[in-house]
Protein backbone atom coordinates (compact mmCIF):
# COMPACT_ATOMS: atom_id res chain seq x y z
CA MET A 1 -15.82 53.70 14.53
CA GLY A 2 -16.95 52.16 17.77
CA PHE A 3 -19.26 49.82 15.89
CA SER A 4 -16.43 48.72 13.61
CA LEU A 5 -14.10 48.12 16.56
CA GLY A 6 -16.79 46.11 18.32
CA SER A 7 -17.37 43.99 15.23
CA VAL A 8 -13.67 43.29 14.96
CA LEU A 9 -13.47 42.30 18.62
CA MET A 10 -16.48 40.02 18.24
CA SER A 11 -15.01 38.34 15.17
CA LEU A 12 -11.69 37.90 16.93
CA GLY A 13 -13.48 36.37 19.86
CA MET A 14 -15.32 33.94 17.55
CA ARG A 15 -12.07 32.91 15.87
CA SER A 16 -10.48 32.36 19.25
CA GLU A 17 -13.38 30.17 20.33
CA ALA A 18 -13.25 28.19 17.07
CA ASP A 19 -9.51 27.71 17.43
CA GLN A 20 -10.04 26.49 20.97
CA VAL A 21 -12.54 23.90 19.71
CA SER A 22 -10.03 22.74 17.09
CA VAL A 23 -7.30 22.40 19.71
CA GLU A 24 -9.61 20.37 21.94
CA ALA A 25 -10.63 18.11 19.04
CA ILE A 26 -7.04 17.49 17.95
CA THR A 27 -5.99 16.82 21.56
CA LEU A 28 -8.75 14.24 21.96
CA PHE A 29 -7.94 12.60 18.63
CA VAL A 30 -4.23 12.33 19.47
CA GLY A 31 -5.20 10.83 22.82
CA LEU A 32 -7.32 8.25 21.00
CA LEU A 33 -4.38 7.42 18.72
CA CYS A 34 -2.24 6.75 21.79
CA THR A 35 -5.00 4.58 23.22
CA CYS A 36 -5.16 2.54 19.99
CA ILE A 37 -1.42 1.93 20.09
CA ILE A 38 -1.44 0.87 23.77
CA ILE A 39 -4.43 -1.46 23.42
CA GLY A 40 -3.05 -2.85 20.15
CA HIS A 41 0.20 -3.66 21.94
CA LEU A 42 -1.64 -5.42 24.77
CA LEU A 43 -3.64 -7.49 22.25
CA GLU A 44 -0.67 -8.22 19.99
CA LYS A 45 -0.62 -11.95 20.83
CA ASN A 46 -4.36 -12.38 20.30
CA LYS A 47 -5.01 -14.65 17.30
CA TRP A 48 -8.28 -12.92 16.41
CA ILE A 49 -7.77 -9.19 17.00
CA ASN A 50 -5.39 -6.98 15.00
CA GLU A 51 -4.67 -3.26 15.21
CA SER A 52 -7.07 -2.40 12.39
CA ILE A 53 -9.99 -3.96 14.25
CA THR A 54 -8.80 -2.35 17.50
CA ALA A 55 -8.77 1.14 15.93
CA LEU A 56 -12.16 0.57 14.29
CA THR A 57 -13.68 -0.58 17.57
CA ILE A 58 -12.30 2.38 19.51
CA GLY A 59 -13.57 4.69 16.76
CA LEU A 60 -17.05 3.15 16.95
CA CYS A 61 -17.13 3.45 20.75
CA THR A 62 -15.99 7.08 20.55
CA GLY A 63 -18.68 7.79 17.94
CA ILE A 64 -21.36 6.34 20.21
CA VAL A 65 -20.17 8.48 23.14
CA LEU A 66 -20.17 11.61 20.96
CA LEU A 67 -23.67 10.82 19.69
CA LEU A 68 -24.94 10.53 23.24
CA THR A 69 -23.19 13.66 24.54
CA THR A 70 -24.20 15.83 21.56
CA GLU A 71 -27.78 14.49 21.49
CA GLY A 72 -27.30 12.87 18.09
CA ARG A 73 -25.84 15.88 16.30
CA ARG A 74 -22.43 14.40 15.42
CA SER A 75 -20.32 11.29 15.92
CA HIS A 76 -16.80 12.34 14.91
CA ILE A 77 -14.22 14.75 16.22
CA LEU A 78 -12.65 15.82 12.94
CA VAL A 79 -14.28 16.13 9.51
CA PHE A 80 -12.80 13.79 6.92
CA ASN A 81 -11.40 15.51 3.85
CA GLU A 82 -10.30 13.39 0.91
CA GLU A 83 -7.57 15.91 0.10
CA LEU A 84 -6.19 15.52 3.63
CA PHE A 85 -6.05 11.78 3.10
CA PHE A 86 -4.37 11.88 -0.31
CA ILE A 87 -1.87 14.64 0.52
CA TYR A 88 -0.86 13.85 4.11
CA VAL A 89 -2.00 10.39 5.22
CA LEU A 90 -1.54 8.10 2.21
CA PRO A 91 2.02 9.10 1.06
CA PRO A 92 3.83 7.78 4.18
CA ILE A 93 2.05 4.42 3.89
CA ILE A 94 2.85 3.85 0.22
CA PHE A 95 6.40 5.21 0.42
CA ASN A 96 7.24 2.99 3.37
CA ALA A 97 5.89 0.00 1.45
CA GLY A 98 8.32 0.73 -1.38
CA PHE A 99 11.18 1.67 0.93
CA GLN A 100 10.94 -1.48 3.07
CA VAL A 101 10.22 -3.89 0.22
CA LYS A 102 12.72 -6.66 -0.36
CA LYS A 103 13.49 -5.77 -3.92
CA LYS A 104 15.06 -9.04 -4.99
CA GLN A 105 11.98 -11.07 -4.09
CA PHE A 106 9.59 -8.40 -5.36
CA PHE A 107 11.09 -8.46 -8.83
CA ARG A 108 11.64 -12.23 -8.87
CA ASN A 109 7.89 -12.61 -8.28
CA PHE A 110 7.14 -9.57 -10.41
CA MET A 111 5.29 -11.49 -13.15
CA THR A 112 2.84 -13.05 -10.68
CA ILE A 113 2.45 -9.80 -8.74
CA THR A 114 1.79 -7.90 -11.98
CA LEU A 115 -0.77 -10.49 -13.08
CA PHE A 116 -2.65 -10.12 -9.80
CA GLY A 117 -2.11 -6.38 -9.30
CA VAL A 118 -2.79 -5.09 -12.83
CA VAL A 119 -4.61 -7.72 -14.87
CA GLY A 120 -6.54 -8.97 -11.85
CA THR A 121 -7.57 -5.45 -10.85
CA LEU A 122 -8.86 -4.78 -14.37
CA ILE A 123 -10.90 -8.02 -14.31
CA SER A 124 -12.37 -7.11 -10.94
CA PHE A 125 -13.00 -3.55 -12.16
CA PHE A 126 -15.10 -4.70 -15.13
CA ILE A 127 -17.03 -7.29 -13.11
CA ILE A 128 -17.98 -4.78 -10.40
CA SER A 129 -18.77 -1.99 -12.88
CA LEU A 130 -20.88 -4.00 -15.33
CA GLY A 131 -22.42 -6.15 -12.60
CA SER A 132 -23.58 -3.16 -10.56
CA ALA A 133 -24.94 -1.47 -13.70
CA GLN A 134 -27.18 -4.49 -14.32
CA LEU A 135 -28.12 -5.49 -10.78
CA PHE A 136 -28.85 -1.96 -9.50
CA LYS A 137 -31.77 -1.85 -11.92
CA MET A 138 -33.63 -4.13 -9.50
CA LEU A 139 -33.40 -1.48 -6.78
CA ASN A 140 -35.27 1.78 -6.39
CA ASP A 141 -33.70 5.21 -5.84
CA VAL A 142 -30.45 4.50 -7.71
CA GLY A 143 -31.56 5.85 -11.06
CA PHE A 144 -29.32 8.88 -10.55
CA LEU A 145 -26.21 6.82 -11.40
CA GLU A 146 -24.72 7.19 -14.86
CA MET A 147 -22.33 4.83 -16.63
CA GLY A 148 -19.37 6.88 -15.45
CA ASP A 149 -20.55 6.41 -11.85
CA TYR A 150 -20.69 2.63 -12.29
CA PHE A 151 -17.14 2.63 -13.65
CA ALA A 152 -16.10 4.76 -10.67
CA LEU A 153 -17.66 2.16 -8.34
CA GLY A 154 -15.62 -0.49 -10.10
CA ALA A 155 -12.41 1.43 -9.45
CA ILE A 156 -13.40 2.23 -5.84
CA PHE A 157 -14.12 -1.37 -4.84
CA SER A 158 -11.29 -2.94 -6.83
CA ALA A 159 -8.81 -1.45 -4.35
CA THR A 160 -7.83 -4.06 -1.79
CA ASP A 161 -6.56 -2.97 1.61
CA SER A 162 -2.92 -4.04 1.79
CA VAL A 163 -2.54 -2.31 5.17
CA CYS A 164 -5.15 -4.49 6.83
CA THR A 165 -3.88 -7.62 5.08
CA LEU A 166 -0.33 -7.03 6.30
CA GLN A 167 -1.58 -6.78 9.87
CA VAL A 168 -3.46 -10.07 9.50
CA LEU A 169 -0.78 -12.13 7.76
CA ASN A 170 2.68 -12.89 9.13
CA GLN A 171 5.65 -13.04 6.80
CA ASP A 172 7.37 -15.75 8.86
CA GLU A 173 4.35 -18.02 9.19
CA THR A 174 3.09 -17.57 5.61
CA PRO A 175 5.92 -16.11 3.50
CA LEU A 176 4.42 -17.02 0.12
CA LEU A 177 1.05 -15.49 0.94
CA TYR A 178 2.71 -12.44 2.45
CA SER A 179 4.81 -11.93 -0.68
CA LEU A 180 1.98 -12.23 -3.18
CA VAL A 181 -0.73 -10.45 -1.18
CA PHE A 182 1.51 -7.54 -0.22
CA GLY A 183 2.98 -7.12 -3.70
CA GLU A 184 -0.43 -7.36 -5.29
CA GLY A 185 -1.88 -4.94 -2.71
CA VAL A 186 0.57 -2.15 -3.51
CA VAL A 187 0.27 -2.56 -7.29
CA ASN A 188 -3.49 -2.94 -6.93
CA ASP A 189 -3.83 0.34 -5.00
CA ALA A 190 -1.83 2.16 -7.66
CA THR A 191 -3.87 0.59 -10.47
CA SER A 192 -7.19 1.43 -8.81
CA VAL A 193 -6.25 5.06 -8.17
CA VAL A 194 -4.88 5.46 -11.71
CA LEU A 195 -8.10 3.96 -13.08
CA PHE A 196 -10.20 6.30 -10.94
CA ASN A 197 -8.23 9.40 -11.91
CA THR A 198 -8.30 8.48 -15.59
CA LEU A 199 -12.06 7.94 -15.47
CA GLN A 200 -12.56 11.49 -14.20
CA ARG A 201 -11.02 12.85 -17.41
CA PHE A 202 -13.46 11.14 -19.78
CA ASP A 203 -17.17 11.36 -20.43
CA LEU A 204 -18.19 7.70 -20.44
CA SER A 205 -21.92 8.26 -20.75
CA HIS A 206 -21.60 7.41 -24.45
CA THR A 207 -18.67 5.05 -24.83
CA THR A 208 -17.26 4.54 -28.31
CA SER A 209 -14.25 2.68 -29.66
CA GLY A 210 -12.39 5.97 -30.01
CA ILE A 211 -13.02 6.93 -26.37
CA ALA A 212 -12.00 3.43 -25.24
CA THR A 213 -8.74 3.71 -27.19
CA GLN A 214 -8.01 7.13 -25.72
CA PHE A 215 -8.80 5.80 -22.25
CA ALA A 216 -6.38 2.87 -22.65
CA GLY A 217 -3.67 5.17 -24.00
CA SER A 218 -4.13 7.65 -21.16
CA LEU A 219 -3.99 4.81 -18.62
CA CYS A 220 -0.71 3.44 -20.01
CA SER A 221 0.76 6.93 -20.27
CA LEU A 222 -0.17 7.67 -16.66
CA PHE A 223 1.47 4.44 -15.49
CA PHE A 224 4.68 5.09 -17.41
CA THR A 225 5.13 8.77 -16.58
CA SER A 226 4.28 8.28 -12.89
CA THR A 227 6.81 5.47 -12.56
CA LEU A 228 9.45 7.45 -14.44
CA LEU A 229 8.97 10.49 -12.19
CA GLY A 230 9.36 8.39 -9.04
CA VAL A 231 12.54 6.77 -10.37
CA ALA A 232 13.94 10.17 -11.41
CA VAL A 233 13.40 11.80 -8.02
CA GLY A 234 14.85 8.77 -6.25
CA LEU A 235 17.98 8.83 -8.43
CA LEU A 236 18.33 12.59 -7.93
CA SER A 237 18.29 12.16 -4.15
CA ALA A 238 20.90 9.39 -4.39
CA TYR A 239 23.18 11.50 -6.60
CA ILE A 240 22.93 14.60 -4.38
CA ILE A 241 23.66 12.72 -1.16
CA LYS A 242 26.47 10.71 -2.77
CA LYS A 243 28.23 13.79 -4.14
CA LEU A 244 27.72 16.16 -1.21
CA TYR A 245 27.85 13.52 1.54
CA PHE A 246 25.79 15.45 4.06
CA GLY A 247 26.55 12.96 6.82
CA ARG A 248 30.12 14.21 7.01
CA HIS A 249 28.72 17.41 8.52
CA SER A 250 25.21 16.63 9.76
CA THR A 251 23.15 13.45 10.01
CA ASP A 252 20.05 15.61 10.47
CA ARG A 253 20.47 17.08 6.99
CA GLU A 254 20.68 13.65 5.42
CA VAL A 255 17.50 12.49 7.12
CA ALA A 256 15.66 15.74 6.36
CA LEU A 257 16.64 15.61 2.69
CA MET A 258 15.50 12.00 2.28
CA ILE A 259 12.12 12.70 3.90
CA LEU A 260 11.51 15.90 1.94
CA MET A 261 12.53 14.45 -1.43
CA ALA A 262 10.29 11.44 -0.83
CA TYR A 263 7.37 13.79 -0.21
CA LEU A 264 8.45 15.97 -3.14
CA SER A 265 8.01 13.04 -5.53
CA TYR A 266 4.39 12.61 -4.43
CA MET A 267 3.54 16.30 -4.64
CA MET A 268 5.18 16.65 -8.07
CA ALA A 269 3.02 13.78 -9.31
CA GLU A 270 -0.09 15.51 -7.99
CA LEU A 271 1.07 18.79 -9.53
CA PHE A 272 1.39 17.19 -12.96
CA SER A 273 -1.89 15.22 -12.53
CA LEU A 274 -0.09 11.88 -12.36
CA SER A 275 -0.50 8.96 -9.95
CA GLY A 276 1.13 9.98 -6.69
CA ILE A 277 0.81 6.43 -5.31
CA LEU A 278 2.79 4.90 -8.17
CA THR A 279 5.36 7.71 -8.11
CA VAL A 280 6.08 7.59 -4.38
CA PHE A 281 6.15 3.77 -4.36
CA PHE A 282 8.88 3.54 -7.00
CA CYS A 283 10.67 6.49 -5.42
CA GLY A 284 10.78 4.44 -2.22
CA ILE A 285 12.24 1.43 -4.05
CA VAL A 286 14.94 3.54 -5.74
CA MET A 287 15.84 5.40 -2.55
CA SER A 288 16.21 2.14 -0.62
CA HIS A 289 18.37 0.70 -3.41
CA TYR A 290 20.71 3.68 -3.85
CA THR A 291 20.15 6.61 -1.47
CA TRP A 292 19.89 4.58 1.73
CA HIS A 293 23.33 3.06 1.16
CA ASN A 294 24.93 6.49 0.61
CA VAL A 295 24.13 7.84 4.06
CA THR A 296 25.80 7.18 7.42
CA GLU A 297 24.85 4.28 9.65
CA ASN A 298 23.01 6.63 12.04
CA SER A 299 20.97 8.01 9.16
CA ARG A 300 20.12 4.53 7.96
CA VAL A 301 18.68 3.51 11.30
CA THR A 302 16.88 6.83 11.71
CA THR A 303 15.27 6.92 8.26
CA LYS A 304 14.18 3.29 8.39
CA HIS A 305 12.35 3.74 11.69
CA ALA A 306 11.10 7.24 10.85
CA PHE A 307 9.36 6.08 7.65
CA ALA A 308 7.93 3.01 9.41
CA THR A 309 6.63 5.15 12.30
CA MET A 310 4.92 7.69 10.02
CA SER A 311 3.30 4.86 8.08
CA PHE A 312 2.11 3.17 11.28
CA ILE A 313 0.52 6.35 12.66
CA SER A 314 -1.20 7.03 9.33
CA GLU A 315 -2.71 3.54 9.28
CA ILE A 316 -4.08 3.89 12.81
CA PHE A 317 -5.43 7.36 11.98
CA ILE A 318 -7.39 6.01 9.01
CA PHE A 319 -9.10 3.14 10.81
CA LEU A 320 -9.86 5.25 13.88
CA TYR A 321 -11.58 7.86 11.76
CA VAL A 322 -13.50 5.29 9.70
CA GLY A 323 -14.87 3.85 12.95
CA MET A 324 -16.15 7.25 14.10
CA ASP A 325 -17.46 8.25 10.67
CA ALA A 326 -19.45 5.03 10.40
CA LEU A 327 -21.99 6.55 12.83
CA ASP A 328 -22.25 9.96 11.13
CA ILE A 329 -25.88 10.95 11.67
CA GLU A 330 -25.94 13.22 8.60
CA LYS A 331 -25.37 10.37 6.14
CA TRP A 332 -27.63 7.86 7.84
CA SER A 333 -30.50 10.35 8.20
CA ALA A 334 -30.30 10.97 4.45
CA VAL A 335 -30.87 7.26 3.73
CA SER A 336 -33.31 6.60 6.58
CA LYS A 337 -36.29 6.78 4.21
CA SER A 338 -34.92 3.92 2.09
CA PRO A 339 -32.84 1.61 4.28
CA GLY A 340 -33.66 -1.35 2.05
CA THR A 341 -31.96 0.35 -0.89
CA SER A 342 -28.79 0.99 1.11
CA ILE A 343 -28.71 -2.63 2.31
CA GLY A 344 -29.33 -3.87 -1.22
CA VAL A 345 -26.52 -1.75 -2.67
CA SER A 346 -24.10 -2.96 0.00
CA THR A 347 -25.09 -6.61 -0.53
CA ILE A 348 -24.76 -6.42 -4.32
CA LEU A 349 -21.38 -4.68 -4.16
CA LEU A 350 -20.07 -7.15 -1.57
CA GLY A 351 -21.18 -10.08 -3.72
CA LEU A 352 -19.50 -8.59 -6.79
CA ILE A 353 -16.29 -8.02 -4.78
CA VAL A 354 -16.23 -11.71 -3.81
CA LEU A 355 -17.02 -12.80 -7.37
CA GLY A 356 -14.54 -10.40 -8.96
CA ARG A 357 -11.79 -11.59 -6.63
CA ALA A 358 -12.42 -15.25 -7.45
CA ALA A 359 -12.65 -14.52 -11.17
CA PHE A 360 -8.97 -13.61 -11.40
CA VAL A 361 -7.16 -15.27 -8.46
CA PHE A 362 -7.76 -18.87 -9.56
CA PRO A 363 -7.32 -18.48 -13.35
CA LEU A 364 -4.24 -16.24 -13.02
CA SER A 365 -2.73 -18.59 -10.43
CA PHE A 366 -3.14 -21.41 -12.96
CA ILE A 367 -1.38 -19.32 -15.62
CA SER A 368 1.41 -18.44 -13.19
CA ASN A 369 1.90 -22.10 -12.29
CA LEU A 370 2.45 -22.94 -15.96
CA THR A 371 5.69 -20.95 -15.89
CA ARG A 372 7.02 -22.63 -12.75
CA LYS A 373 8.96 -25.86 -13.11
CA SER A 374 9.45 -26.84 -9.46
CA PRO A 375 6.40 -28.13 -7.54
CA ASP A 376 7.60 -26.17 -4.51
CA ASP A 377 7.30 -22.93 -6.48
CA LYS A 378 3.74 -23.54 -7.63
CA ILE A 379 0.78 -21.88 -5.92
CA GLY A 380 -1.33 -24.66 -4.44
CA PHE A 381 -5.12 -24.65 -4.33
CA LYS A 382 -5.25 -24.05 -0.57
CA GLN A 383 -2.84 -21.14 -1.01
CA GLN A 384 -5.04 -19.75 -3.78
CA VAL A 385 -8.09 -19.92 -1.50
CA THR A 386 -6.18 -18.04 1.20
CA ILE A 387 -4.99 -15.38 -1.28
CA TRP A 388 -8.56 -14.96 -2.51
CA TRP A 389 -9.89 -14.58 1.05
CA ALA A 390 -7.15 -12.27 2.31
CA GLY A 391 -7.66 -9.88 -0.61
CA LEU A 392 -11.37 -9.42 0.07
CA MET A 393 -10.73 -6.64 2.61
CA ARG A 394 -11.43 -3.04 1.62
CA GLY A 395 -10.26 0.02 3.53
CA ALA A 396 -8.72 3.46 3.35
CA VAL A 397 -8.26 3.81 -0.41
CA SER A 398 -11.85 2.76 -1.12
CA MET A 399 -13.09 5.21 1.51
CA ALA A 400 -11.09 8.11 0.12
CA LEU A 401 -12.13 7.44 -3.49
CA ALA A 402 -15.78 7.17 -2.47
CA TYR A 403 -15.61 10.50 -0.63
CA ASN A 404 -13.86 12.04 -3.62
CA LYS A 405 -16.63 10.89 -5.98
CA PHE A 406 -19.80 11.17 -3.90
CA ALA A 407 -19.09 13.76 -1.19
CA SER A 408 -17.62 17.21 -0.66
CA SER A 409 -15.30 17.71 2.36
CA GLY A 410 -16.92 14.82 4.19
CA HIS A 411 -20.49 16.18 3.91
CA THR A 412 -23.35 15.00 1.72
CA GLN A 413 -27.03 15.90 1.82
CA ILE A 414 -27.98 14.28 -1.52
CA ARG A 415 -29.71 10.99 -0.75
CA GLY A 416 -28.18 9.11 -3.68
CA ASN A 417 -24.67 10.15 -2.74
CA ALA A 418 -25.37 9.35 0.90
CA ILE A 419 -26.40 5.82 -0.12
CA MET A 420 -23.07 5.31 -1.89
CA ILE A 421 -21.08 6.66 1.09
CA THR A 422 -22.96 4.62 3.70
CA SER A 423 -22.68 1.50 1.53
CA THR A 424 -18.91 2.02 1.26
CA ILE A 425 -18.62 2.46 5.04
CA SER A 426 -20.69 -0.69 5.63
CA ILE A 427 -18.55 -2.75 3.25
CA VAL A 428 -15.30 -1.48 4.76
CA LEU A 429 -16.48 -2.27 8.29
CA PHE A 430 -17.79 -5.70 7.34
CA CYS A 431 -14.68 -6.67 5.36
CA THR A 432 -12.22 -5.43 7.97
CA VAL A 433 -13.96 -6.98 10.97
CA VAL A 434 -15.41 -10.22 9.56
CA PHE A 435 -12.76 -11.11 6.97
CA GLY A 436 -10.01 -9.80 9.24
CA LEU A 437 -11.16 -11.98 12.14
CA VAL A 438 -11.48 -15.13 10.04
CA THR A 439 -8.26 -14.81 8.02
CA LYS A 440 -5.81 -16.01 10.68
CA PRO A 441 -7.82 -19.11 11.68
CA LEU A 442 -8.45 -19.85 8.00
CA ILE A 443 -4.73 -19.75 7.23
CA ARG A 444 -3.96 -22.06 10.13
CA PHE A 445 -6.69 -24.45 8.98
CA LEU A 446 -5.67 -24.51 5.30
CA LEU A 447 -1.90 -24.26 5.78
CA PRO A 448 -0.94 -25.67 9.19
CA LEU A 449 2.68 -25.38 10.21
CA ARG A 450 4.35 -28.75 9.90
CA LYS A 451 7.63 -27.88 11.60
CA PRO A 452 8.93 -25.31 14.09
CA LEU A 453 8.83 -21.74 12.88
CA SER A 454 12.56 -21.12 13.34
CA SER A 455 13.59 -24.11 11.25
CA MET A 456 11.02 -23.23 8.59
CA VAL A 457 12.34 -19.69 8.22
CA GLU A 458 15.93 -20.91 8.16
CA SER A 459 15.26 -23.49 5.46
CA GLU A 460 13.30 -21.06 3.32
CA LEU A 461 15.87 -18.30 3.57
CA SER A 462 18.63 -20.71 2.56
CA SER A 463 16.92 -21.36 -0.80
CA PRO A 464 17.37 -18.31 -3.04
CA LYS A 465 15.11 -19.63 -5.80
CA SER A 466 12.14 -20.49 -3.62
CA LEU A 467 8.95 -18.52 -4.05
CA MET A 468 8.32 -18.99 -0.33
CA LEU A 469 10.69 -16.14 0.55
CA PRO A 470 9.14 -13.22 2.43
CA LEU A 471 8.82 -10.02 0.45
CA LEU A 472 9.77 -7.63 3.22
CA GLN A 473 12.85 -7.85 5.39
CA ASN A 474 12.73 -6.22 8.79
CA SER A 475 16.44 -6.73 9.19
CA GLN A 476 18.50 -6.24 6.08
CA ASP A 477 21.41 -8.23 7.41
CA ARG A 478 19.32 -11.34 8.03
CA GLU A 479 20.53 -12.90 4.79
CA VAL A 480 24.11 -12.30 5.85
CA ALA A 481 23.45 -14.06 9.14
CA MET A 482 21.82 -16.97 7.35
CA ASN A 483 24.75 -17.23 4.96
CA GLY A 484 27.01 -17.48 7.95
CA GLN A 485 24.86 -20.20 9.48
CA ASN A 486 24.89 -22.15 6.26
CA GLY A 487 28.64 -22.07 6.15
CA THR A 488 28.80 -19.76 3.15
CA THR A 489 31.80 -17.47 3.17
CA LEU A 490 31.68 -14.29 1.16
CA PRO A 491 34.67 -13.92 -1.13
CA LEU A 492 36.97 -10.95 -0.88
CA LEU A 493 35.42 -8.03 -2.70
CA GLN A 494 37.16 -6.02 -5.32
CA ASN A 495 36.86 -2.23 -5.25
CA GLY A 496 33.19 -1.36 -5.48
CA GLN A 497 32.10 -4.96 -6.06
CA ASP A 498 28.71 -5.97 -4.78
CA PRO A 499 28.66 -8.92 -2.36
CA GLU A 500 25.79 -10.45 -4.30
CA VAL A 501 27.78 -10.31 -7.52
CA ALA A 502 30.66 -12.04 -5.79
CA MET A 503 28.28 -14.72 -4.55
CA ASN A 504 26.92 -15.11 -8.07
CA GLY A 505 30.45 -15.79 -9.18
CA GLN A 506 30.77 -18.53 -6.59
CA ASN A 507 27.47 -20.00 -7.70
CA GLY A 508 28.74 -20.13 -11.24
CA GLN A 509 31.80 -22.05 -10.06
CA ASN A 510 29.56 -24.47 -8.18
CA GLY A 511 27.67 -25.35 -11.33
CA THR A 512 24.77 -22.89 -11.19
CA THR A 513 24.30 -21.75 -14.77
CA ARG A 514 22.80 -18.45 -15.79
CA PRO A 515 20.41 -18.18 -18.73
CA ARG A 516 22.28 -17.20 -21.87
CA SER A 517 19.70 -17.66 -24.62
CA LEU A 518 16.36 -16.23 -25.66
CA CYS A 519 14.71 -19.58 -24.97
CA MET A 520 15.92 -19.61 -21.37
CA LEU A 521 14.93 -15.96 -21.01
CA LEU A 522 11.35 -16.85 -21.90
CA THR A 523 11.20 -19.98 -19.74
CA THR A 524 12.73 -18.35 -16.63
CA PRO A 525 12.04 -14.64 -17.18
CA ALA A 526 12.14 -13.50 -13.55
CA TYR A 527 15.58 -14.90 -12.80
CA SER A 528 16.99 -13.90 -16.19
CA VAL A 529 15.80 -10.30 -16.03
CA HIS A 530 17.10 -10.00 -12.48
CA TYR A 531 20.51 -11.37 -13.51
CA TYR A 532 20.96 -8.99 -16.45
CA TRP A 533 19.65 -6.07 -14.42
CA ARG A 534 22.30 -6.77 -11.77
CA LYS A 535 25.02 -6.70 -14.41
CA PHE A 536 23.75 -3.37 -15.79
CA ASP A 537 23.28 -1.95 -12.31
CA ASN A 538 26.83 -2.72 -11.20
CA ALA A 539 28.39 -1.57 -14.46
CA PHE A 540 26.56 1.74 -14.97
CA MET A 541 24.10 2.74 -12.24
CA ARG A 542 25.88 2.15 -8.93
CA PRO A 543 29.14 3.87 -9.92
CA VAL A 544 27.10 7.05 -10.54
CA PHE A 545 24.35 6.88 -7.93
CA GLY A 546 26.03 4.78 -5.24
CA GLY A 547 24.51 1.87 -3.41
CA ARG A 548 25.59 -1.30 -1.68
CA GLY A 549 29.28 -1.96 -2.31
CA PHE A 550 29.77 1.49 -3.88
CA VAL A 551 29.65 3.72 -0.79
CA GLN A 552 32.16 6.51 -1.16
CA ARG A 553 34.55 6.90 1.77
CA ILE A 554 35.47 10.45 2.65
CA PRO A 555 38.06 11.25 5.35
CA GLY A 556 36.35 12.48 8.45
CA SER A 557 33.06 10.73 7.76
CA PRO A 558 31.63 8.47 10.45
CA THR A 559 32.78 4.87 10.36
CA GLU A 560 29.99 2.63 9.20
CA THR A 561 29.45 -0.96 8.21
CA VAL A 562 28.06 -1.63 4.76
CA VAL A 563 24.83 -3.56 5.04
CA SER A 564 24.58 -6.31 2.48
């Protein structure tokens, strides 16, 4: 009895000590996050450094200190777990991208974004997969890779890092580049993860036409069902909040319901083995289009900044950890006997990334330009070079997919797997630091500003058909302000009428014609589809699910101004 009691006390003491270590590690990590934010703020005006590089540098310095204090035993505070990343860290980033996206410009440029994000990702995927399968034969110690592993590498390194790109580019200085790179980045991440997840379901060691057909069908099905689930959850949240109008009683309930239903969409996708990235992205778009307009003004401000804050913290967390994990002694000791192989793998993959990027940016830009009549809407060669360069960065998604494929809970003792992990870390560090540092000067060299920034933004915003419009809007009433500056007066709205629809009516009176034939639909598909979608949306969707111009007024609810 005494022995049993002593054992229990000893085990309790061990748990208490382990818990204390966890508390200390989390405290230190949170302190480092605060340090990253403060230093990033101080370096905000620096034309070379961005917050991604700041977090990576602090992570590397922390890893060096830990290596010295622990006598080389470890370099990171917390152990990276790919499930932690996919379940807790990634959803806020992707949802905020969909929630903050300027939907009108996203869907007007949807054909070009889809070309880059889907078709371009597939081209890059095949170049990296088949290229690595051939070139790795020149190296030793990589014979353990099967064809399925090469396809997985293609999916891993086809994922561009939209987070890092957004921190490098500026939507006011380079609105066209910001629009295309950001839109492509989100669709690209979804495509890469869907590709990776679909590959895990098939045995590609012996590929046949039947397996290829099943793979293509599964890929399309995953895209469609994931998108449909995100739209459904977003519409459900809009309907519930519109009917029950939580803000009449409690703003906190509105905010809590929006956050939880956004997260619910992602977890339901994971539960049904769908693409959580695609689901939560389209859920964010739907919630910003309907749900956000059904809540009170206080809830609008709160949710907008809450989602942006969670996304920002998640981004800093990722790059800080990658910096520390880059010095993990366990992985590097596993490849110490063959450093040449690790360097060779990294060099080959980096070369294939550059080649795969160029193989689709320039040809698909040429195809996109064929559909654009105005020279101002065409993507120039210098802009194409900048898009190609800005999309070379790799980051969090590539890291998580590599850990998912070649590691278990952040640990790997198999030398072949360690080579793949260390090569991924090397590529991510090189792309983020080198490409991230050069992107801003390169943009200023290729596309110098020819007039003051304020006048440039004003002139671009006043042209609704220009491709040079920024994709994201930090202030949703900026268009209203610009309309006022341009002397445009909104007509009186009928009950439930959308301000944009009223403006479309004015445009029709001023001679702006809408496409009314199949020929015009094919020649100007983006504008035509958007026009007919707006008619359907105002006639059927907004009366049921709410939205701008259809906010239900209930006596006793807070007074709020409808944001157009």
